């Protein structure tokens, strides 16, 4: 579940006692519960950006009002207008918040834009049809789905959290332009959603009443079971509690299967950082072990803020942003110094030769 192990395993090196003390120290560091994410840089989004996503090549795409911007070069603060959609799609009781989410499809051809419940609509726009000319607006396809957060699965399904009389989770078939509710009775506010290809994970963003799930509860559902159900699953009684952290406002996974969580619970005081939870603890909870309560790593690059997380698979970096700011902080797993890496490899080669 982790990305931070030396080739051959540090345990072999220790057992053989064939590497130096410095390499041993490196091994001790690399078997930590979560990757030793280190702040490596920042960049700025276009001023006033509401939400953003990451393209397949590692560049960021963002939306402000009806304008869509793409980052010119990875890690840089230079963005150009890729095109636009009508800002009227966000009109409604919550229209002043703008887009609730911007998500690019797995093949990169389509953008899904949530109106944050303003009209209860998700808007789909073709990236190829975007026109960078100032003021241009590309028509969108719209589908009525209560929405707050969303996540594209690798197979092209879009999972969306939202609320009607209760907080729900929907599955959207973009090709057919249809949707169905697959999880009901989220006992509070809708929050983040993500899938690892096997399970679907959804969070309770704010617990309104005593009993049942709590703020920050993250529950998992087997995708195979959801697909064959005639009625939606019940979040409170059927989901497997795998973790509790912050308000589960944003959910994601890094390349090692570690869970990335954003948000904040102002009632309990669990706030002021972005969380990384060891993937092994999530796996244990799925096996009906104890849920992973609390973070294994807390990242707070700008002090006490309401943070969100986004994984950049192209660069292998964890992006952390916070509400009300255009700054994005880049976290990476530091590479071992060249000398230590060579010593480690020599030690491993020595072990193999003696077998």
Protein backbone atom coordinates (compact mmCIF):
# COMPACT_ATOMS: atom_id res chain seq x y z
CA UNK A 1 0.00 0.00 0.00
CA UNK A 2 3.01 2.33 0.37
CA UNK A 3 5.32 3.92 -2.16
CA UNK A 4 8.20 4.52 0.21
CA UNK A 5 10.12 1.25 0.42
CA UNK A 6 13.58 0.55 -0.89
CA UNK A 7 13.94 -2.09 -3.63
CA UNK A 8 14.43 -5.47 -1.99
CA UNK A 9 13.07 -4.25 1.37
CA UNK A 10 14.88 -2.60 4.24
CA UNK A 11 14.28 -5.64 6.41
CA UNK A 12 16.63 -7.71 4.21
CA UNK A 13 19.33 -5.10 4.53
CA UNK A 14 19.02 -5.03 8.27
CA UNK A 15 19.06 -8.79 8.59
CA UNK A 16 22.19 -9.14 6.49
CA UNK A 17 23.98 -6.30 8.31
CA UNK A 18 25.79 -5.44 5.11
CA UNK A 19 24.97 -1.75 4.80
CA UNK A 20 26.29 1.23 6.63
CA UNK A 21 24.66 3.00 9.54
CA UNK A 22 23.58 5.83 7.26
CA UNK A 23 21.74 3.42 4.99
CA UNK A 24 20.14 1.89 8.05
CA UNK A 25 18.88 5.34 9.02
CA UNK A 26 17.45 5.77 5.54
CA UNK A 27 15.64 2.45 5.87
CA UNK A 28 14.17 3.51 9.20
CA UNK A 29 12.82 6.66 7.56
CA UNK A 30 11.35 4.90 4.53
CA UNK A 31 9.26 2.42 6.50
CA UNK A 32 7.27 5.21 8.15
CA UNK A 33 3.52 4.74 8.18
CA UNK A 34 2.96 7.36 5.47
CA UNK A 35 5.27 8.97 2.93
CA UNK A 36 7.44 11.77 4.37
CA UNK A 37 5.75 14.45 2.27
CA UNK A 38 7.86 17.60 2.12
CA UNK A 39 6.87 21.06 0.92
CA UNK A 40 8.75 21.62 -2.35
CA UNK A 41 7.08 24.68 -3.84
CA UNK A 42 3.99 26.75 -4.50
CA UNK A 43 2.16 28.31 -7.41
CA UNK A 44 -0.77 30.70 -7.74
CA UNK A 45 -4.10 30.10 -9.43
CA UNK A 46 -5.86 32.87 -11.36
CA UNK A 47 -7.17 35.41 -8.85
CA UNK A 48 -10.62 34.47 -7.63
CA UNK A 49 -10.47 30.84 -8.74
CA UNK A 50 -13.31 28.81 -7.25
CA UNK A 51 -12.17 25.22 -7.88
CA UNK A 52 -9.52 23.41 -9.92
CA UNK A 53 -8.50 19.98 -11.15
CA UNK A 54 -5.37 18.34 -12.59
CA UNK A 55 -4.93 17.37 -16.24
CA UNK A 56 -3.27 14.15 -17.36
CA UNK A 57 0.01 15.94 -18.09
CA UNK A 58 0.20 17.43 -14.59
CA UNK A 59 -0.98 20.93 -15.48
CA UNK A 60 -3.85 22.49 -13.55
CA UNK A 61 -7.21 23.55 -14.98
CA UNK A 62 -9.30 26.08 -13.06
CA UNK A 63 -12.61 27.94 -13.27
CA UNK A 64 -13.54 31.47 -12.20
CA UNK A 65 -17.07 32.56 -12.91
CA UNK A 66 -17.66 31.24 -16.42
CA UNK A 67 -14.00 31.42 -17.48
CA UNK A 68 -11.85 28.29 -17.68
CA UNK A 69 -8.07 28.60 -17.42
CA UNK A 70 -5.25 26.14 -18.08
CA UNK A 71 -1.78 26.29 -16.59
CA UNK A 72 0.86 26.98 -19.25
CA UNK A 73 3.66 24.97 -17.63
CA UNK A 74 3.56 22.54 -14.71
CA UNK A 75 4.39 24.22 -11.37
CA UNK A 76 4.17 27.74 -12.80
CA UNK A 77 1.72 30.53 -11.94
CA UNK A 78 1.02 31.48 -15.57
CA UNK A 79 -2.49 30.57 -16.76
CA UNK A 80 -4.24 31.33 -20.05
CA UNK A 81 -7.93 31.35 -20.82
CA UNK A 82 -8.88 28.04 -22.47
CA UNK A 83 -12.48 29.08 -23.00
CA UNK A 84 -15.66 29.74 -21.12
CA UNK A 85 -19.21 28.74 -20.34
CA UNK A 86 -22.14 30.95 -19.49
CA UNK A 87 -21.81 32.26 -15.92
CA UNK A 88 -25.61 32.09 -15.75
CA UNK A 89 -25.37 28.35 -15.13
CA UNK A 90 -24.50 29.25 -11.55
CA UNK A 91 -27.57 31.43 -10.99
CA UNK A 92 -29.67 30.37 -8.04
CA UNK A 93 -29.79 30.59 -4.25
CA UNK A 94 -26.12 29.62 -3.98
CA UNK A 95 -24.94 31.12 -7.24
CA UNK A 96 -22.64 33.59 -5.51
CA UNK A 97 -20.34 30.67 -4.66
CA UNK A 98 -19.78 29.84 -8.33
CA UNK A 99 -18.80 26.32 -9.40
CA UNK A 100 -18.85 23.62 -6.75
CA UNK A 101 -16.46 21.41 -8.66
CA UNK A 102 -14.56 21.16 -11.93
CA UNK A 103 -13.55 17.62 -12.91
CA UNK A 104 -11.94 16.42 -16.13
CA UNK A 105 -12.97 13.01 -17.45
CA UNK A 106 -10.46 10.13 -17.41
CA UNK A 107 -9.79 10.53 -21.15
CA UNK A 108 -9.48 14.29 -20.74
CA UNK A 109 -12.12 15.09 -23.35
CA UNK A 110 -14.91 16.35 -21.08
CA UNK A 111 -15.19 18.71 -18.14
CA UNK A 112 -17.92 18.25 -15.55
CA UNK A 113 -18.89 21.43 -13.72
CA UNK A 114 -21.15 21.39 -10.69
CA UNK A 115 -23.28 24.42 -9.88
CA UNK A 116 -22.97 23.80 -6.12
CA UNK A 117 -26.70 23.25 -5.87
CA UNK A 118 -27.65 26.62 -7.37
CA UNK A 119 -30.06 24.91 -9.77
CA UNK A 120 -29.16 21.31 -8.99
CA UNK A 121 -27.45 20.90 -12.37
CA UNK A 122 -24.19 19.39 -13.60
CA UNK A 123 -22.87 20.88 -16.83
CA UNK A 124 -20.68 18.97 -19.28
CA UNK A 125 -18.48 20.75 -21.81
CA UNK A 126 -16.08 19.39 -24.43
CA UNK A 127 -12.52 20.61 -23.90
CA UNK A 128 -11.91 20.51 -27.65
CA UNK A 129 -14.86 22.87 -28.20
CA UNK A 130 -13.54 25.53 -25.82
CA UNK A 131 -12.68 28.82 -27.51
CA UNK A 132 -9.95 30.97 -25.90
CA UNK A 133 -11.23 34.16 -27.51
CA UNK A 134 -12.19 36.73 -24.87
CA UNK A 135 -15.86 36.49 -23.94
CA UNK A 136 -16.51 33.27 -25.88
CA UNK A 137 -18.95 30.82 -24.29
CA UNK A 138 -19.15 27.15 -25.27
CA UNK A 139 -22.58 25.50 -24.94
CA UNK A 140 -22.88 22.82 -22.27
CA UNK A 141 -24.98 19.71 -21.80
CA UNK A 142 -26.81 19.87 -18.48
CA UNK A 143 -28.17 17.14 -16.26
CA UNK A 144 -30.33 17.59 -13.18
CA UNK A 145 -28.33 16.11 -10.28
CA UNK A 146 -28.06 17.56 -6.75
CA UNK A 147 -24.36 18.26 -6.42
CA UNK A 148 -21.64 19.29 -4.03
CA UNK A 149 -18.52 17.22 -4.84
CA UNK A 150 -17.71 14.75 -7.63
CA UNK A 151 -15.18 12.17 -8.78
CA UNK A 152 -14.71 10.51 -12.17
CA UNK A 153 -14.01 6.79 -11.96
CA UNK A 154 -11.49 5.26 -14.36
CA UNK A 155 -14.31 3.68 -16.37
CA UNK A 156 -15.94 7.05 -17.03
CA UNK A 157 -18.67 7.02 -14.39
CA UNK A 158 -19.10 10.25 -12.45
CA UNK A 159 -19.95 9.90 -8.75
CA UNK A 160 -21.59 12.96 -7.22
CA UNK A 161 -22.57 13.89 -3.67
CA UNK A 162 -25.43 16.31 -3.09
CA UNK A 163 -28.63 16.87 -1.17
CA UNK A 164 -32.38 16.95 -1.65
CA UNK A 165 -34.46 16.34 1.47
CA UNK A 166 -31.49 14.26 2.60
CA UNK A 167 -27.84 14.00 1.65
CA UNK A 168 -27.28 11.50 -1.14
CA UNK A 169 -24.71 10.10 -3.55
CA UNK A 170 -25.50 9.66 -7.26
CA UNK A 171 -23.93 7.85 -10.19
CA UNK A 172 -23.97 9.70 -13.52
CA UNK A 173 -23.72 8.03 -16.93
CA UNK A 174 -22.42 10.87 -19.06
CA UNK A 175 -22.83 9.04 -22.37
CA UNK A 176 -26.50 8.34 -21.71
CA UNK A 177 -27.01 11.58 -19.76
CA UNK A 178 -28.78 9.74 -16.96
CA UNK A 179 -28.27 9.48 -13.22
CA UNK A 180 -29.42 7.31 -10.35
CA UNK A 181 -29.13 7.62 -6.59
CA UNK A 182 -26.92 4.85 -5.22
CA UNK A 183 -26.47 5.89 -1.57
CA UNK A 184 -29.02 7.62 0.66
CA UNK A 185 -29.33 8.73 4.27
CA UNK A 186 -25.97 10.39 4.74
CA UNK A 187 -26.75 11.53 8.27
CA UNK A 188 -25.55 15.10 7.89
CA UNK A 189 -24.14 17.13 5.00
CA UNK A 190 -22.73 15.74 1.78
CA UNK A 191 -18.95 15.83 1.59
CA UNK A 192 -16.17 14.31 -0.52
CA UNK A 193 -16.32 11.22 -2.72
CA UNK A 194 -13.65 9.04 -4.31
CA UNK A 195 -13.17 5.50 -5.59
CA UNK A 196 -10.13 3.24 -5.72
CA UNK A 197 -11.71 1.08 -8.41
CA UNK A 198 -12.99 -1.49 -5.92
CA UNK A 199 -14.77 0.58 -3.28
CA UNK A 200 -16.61 3.88 -3.30
CA UNK A 201 -15.83 6.20 -0.37
CA UNK A 202 -18.10 9.02 0.80
CA UNK A 203 -17.97 11.35 3.79
CA UNK A 204 -20.30 13.04 6.23
CA UNK A 205 -19.40 16.72 6.10
CA UNK A 206 -21.39 17.96 9.05
CA UNK A 207 -23.30 15.97 11.66
CA UNK A 208 -26.50 17.76 12.62
CA UNK A 209 -27.91 15.37 15.23
CA UNK A 210 -26.70 13.02 17.94
CA UNK A 211 -26.45 9.33 17.10
CA UNK A 212 -25.45 7.77 13.80
CA UNK A 213 -22.45 8.89 11.80
CA UNK A 214 -20.30 11.81 12.89
CA UNK A 215 -18.67 14.72 11.14
CA UNK A 216 -15.70 13.42 9.18
CA UNK A 217 -16.92 9.82 9.01
CA UNK A 218 -15.79 8.17 5.78
CA UNK A 219 -17.69 5.05 4.76
CA UNK A 220 -16.92 2.57 2.00
CA UNK A 221 -19.22 0.63 -0.32
CA UNK A 222 -18.22 -2.20 -2.67
CA UNK A 223 -18.73 -0.97 -6.22
CA UNK A 224 -19.74 -4.43 -7.40
CA UNK A 225 -22.60 -4.50 -4.89
CA UNK A 226 -23.80 -1.01 -5.72
CA UNK A 227 -24.04 -1.85 -9.40
CA UNK A 228 -26.51 -4.69 -8.90
CA UNK A 229 -28.80 -3.09 -6.33
CA UNK A 230 -32.41 -2.26 -7.11
CA UNK A 231 -32.54 0.27 -4.25
CA UNK A 232 -29.85 2.64 -2.94
CA UNK A 233 -27.54 1.62 -0.13
CA UNK A 234 -28.01 3.23 3.28
CA UNK A 235 -24.99 5.27 4.37
CA UNK A 236 -25.71 4.87 8.07
CA UNK A 237 -26.47 1.16 8.24
CA UNK A 238 -24.62 -0.38 5.29
CA UNK A 239 -21.44 1.58 4.74
CA UNK A 240 -18.23 0.32 6.35
CA UNK A 241 -16.67 3.01 8.54
CA UNK A 242 -13.04 3.15 7.38
CA UNK A 243 -11.90 6.51 8.76
CA UNK A 244 -12.87 9.69 10.57
CA UNK A 245 -10.95 12.87 9.84
CA UNK A 246 -11.71 16.60 9.60
CA UNK A 247 -15.01 16.98 7.69
CA UNK A 248 -14.10 14.68 4.77
CA UNK A 249 -14.68 17.71 2.56
CA UNK A 250 -12.22 16.49 -0.07
CA UNK A 251 -11.20 12.86 -0.53
CA UNK A 252 -8.51 11.27 -2.68
CA UNK A 253 -5.79 8.65 -2.84
CA UNK A 254 -2.10 9.03 -3.57
CA UNK A 255 -0.11 6.57 -5.66
CA UNK A 256 0.54 4.38 -2.61
CA UNK A 257 -3.10 4.02 -1.62
CA UNK A 258 -2.91 6.46 1.27
CA UNK A 259 -6.12 8.40 1.87
CA UNK A 260 -6.00 12.19 1.44
CA UNK A 261 -8.58 14.21 3.39
CA UNK A 262 -9.44 17.90 3.58
CA UNK A 263 -11.92 20.04 5.47
CA UNK A 264 -12.39 20.86 9.12
CA UNK A 265 -14.74 20.18 12.02
CA UNK A 266 -15.23 23.48 13.83
CA UNK A 267 -17.33 21.86 16.55
CA UNK A 268 -14.76 19.33 17.72
CA UNK A 269 -11.74 21.45 16.81
CA UNK A 270 -10.40 18.87 14.35
CA UNK A 271 -9.24 21.44 11.79
CA UNK A 272 -6.33 23.51 10.56
CA UNK A 273 -4.50 20.92 8.43
CA UNK A 274 -4.80 18.51 5.52
CA UNK A 275 -4.69 14.84 6.48
CA UNK A 276 -2.88 11.82 5.09
CA UNK A 277 -4.07 8.44 6.44
CA UNK A 278 -2.02 5.27 6.04
CA UNK A 279 -3.56 3.05 3.35
CA UNK A 280 -2.82 0.00 5.47
CA UNK A 281 -5.21 1.32 8.11
CA UNK A 282 -7.92 1.76 5.47
CA UNK A 283 -7.34 -1.79 4.25
CA UNK A 284 -7.60 -3.08 7.81
CA UNK A 285 -10.90 -1.27 8.28
CA UNK A 286 -12.25 -2.77 5.06
CA UNK A 287 -11.39 -6.14 6.57
CA UNK A 288 -13.71 -5.19 9.44
CA UNK A 289 -10.86 -4.07 11.64
CA UNK A 290 -10.90 -0.76 13.52
CA UNK A 291 -11.56 2.43 11.57
CA UNK A 292 -8.66 4.81 11.06
CA UNK A 293 -9.54 7.63 13.45
CA UNK A 294 -7.36 10.69 12.94
CA UNK A 295 -4.52 11.53 10.58
CA UNK A 296 -1.13 9.85 10.36
CA UNK A 297 0.34 12.99 8.82
CA UNK A 298 -0.91 16.58 9.18
CA UNK A 299 0.07 19.21 6.61
CA UNK A 300 -0.54 22.87 7.46
CA UNK A 301 1.54 24.99 5.06
CA UNK A 302 -0.28 28.25 5.91
CA UNK A 303 -1.21 27.72 9.54
CA UNK A 304 -4.80 27.25 10.70
CA UNK A 305 -6.83 27.06 7.49
CA UNK A 306 -9.67 25.05 5.89
CA UNK A 307 -7.62 22.89 3.50
CA UNK A 308 -8.46 20.79 0.47
CA UNK A 309 -6.27 18.15 -1.18
CA UNK A 310 -5.75 17.08 -4.78
CA UNK A 311 -3.41 14.34 -6.05
CA UNK A 312 -1.29 15.10 -9.14
CA UNK A 313 -0.59 11.68 -10.61
CA UNK A 314 1.63 13.03 -13.40
CA UNK A 315 4.11 14.67 -11.04
CA UNK A 316 3.60 12.38 -8.04
CA UNK A 317 2.78 15.38 -5.86
CA UNK A 318 0.12 16.17 -3.30
CA UNK A 319 -1.45 19.59 -3.89
CA UNK A 320 -2.85 21.41 -0.87
CA UNK A 321 -4.94 24.57 -1.08
CA UNK A 322 -7.11 26.46 1.36
CA UNK A 323 -10.44 28.25 1.24
CA UNK A 324 -10.29 31.87 0.12
CA UNK A 325 -6.74 31.71 -1.26
CA UNK A 326 -5.29 31.35 -4.76
CA UNK A 327 -2.13 29.65 -3.45
CA UNK A 328 -1.46 25.96 -4.06
CA UNK A 329 1.24 24.19 -2.03
CA UNK A 330 3.16 21.30 -3.59
CA UNK A 331 4.22 18.36 -1.44
CA UNK A 332 6.49 15.60 -2.70
CA UNK A 333 8.32 12.58 -1.31
CA UNK A 334 12.00 13.53 -1.18
CA UNK A 335 14.39 11.32 -3.08
CA UNK A 336 17.25 9.84 -1.02
CA UNK A 337 20.66 11.52 -1.41
CA UNK A 338 22.63 9.97 -4.27
CA UNK A 339 25.30 8.53 -2.00
CA UNK A 340 22.80 6.82 0.27
CA UNK A 341 20.85 5.48 -2.66
CA UNK A 342 24.00 3.98 -4.19
CA UNK A 343 25.07 2.51 -0.85
CA UNK A 344 21.64 1.00 -0.38
CA UNK A 345 21.71 -0.58 -3.81
CA UNK A 346 25.22 -1.94 -3.24
CA UNK A 347 24.08 -3.48 0.00
CA UNK A 348 21.12 -5.12 -1.70
CA UNK A 349 23.30 -6.41 -4.54
CA UNK A 350 25.68 -7.86 -1.97
CA UNK A 351 22.87 -9.70 -0.28
CA UNK A 352 21.65 -11.16 -3.55
CA UNK A 353 25.14 -12.37 -4.51
CA UNK A 354 25.45 -14.26 -1.23
CA UNK A 355 22.16 -16.12 -1.66
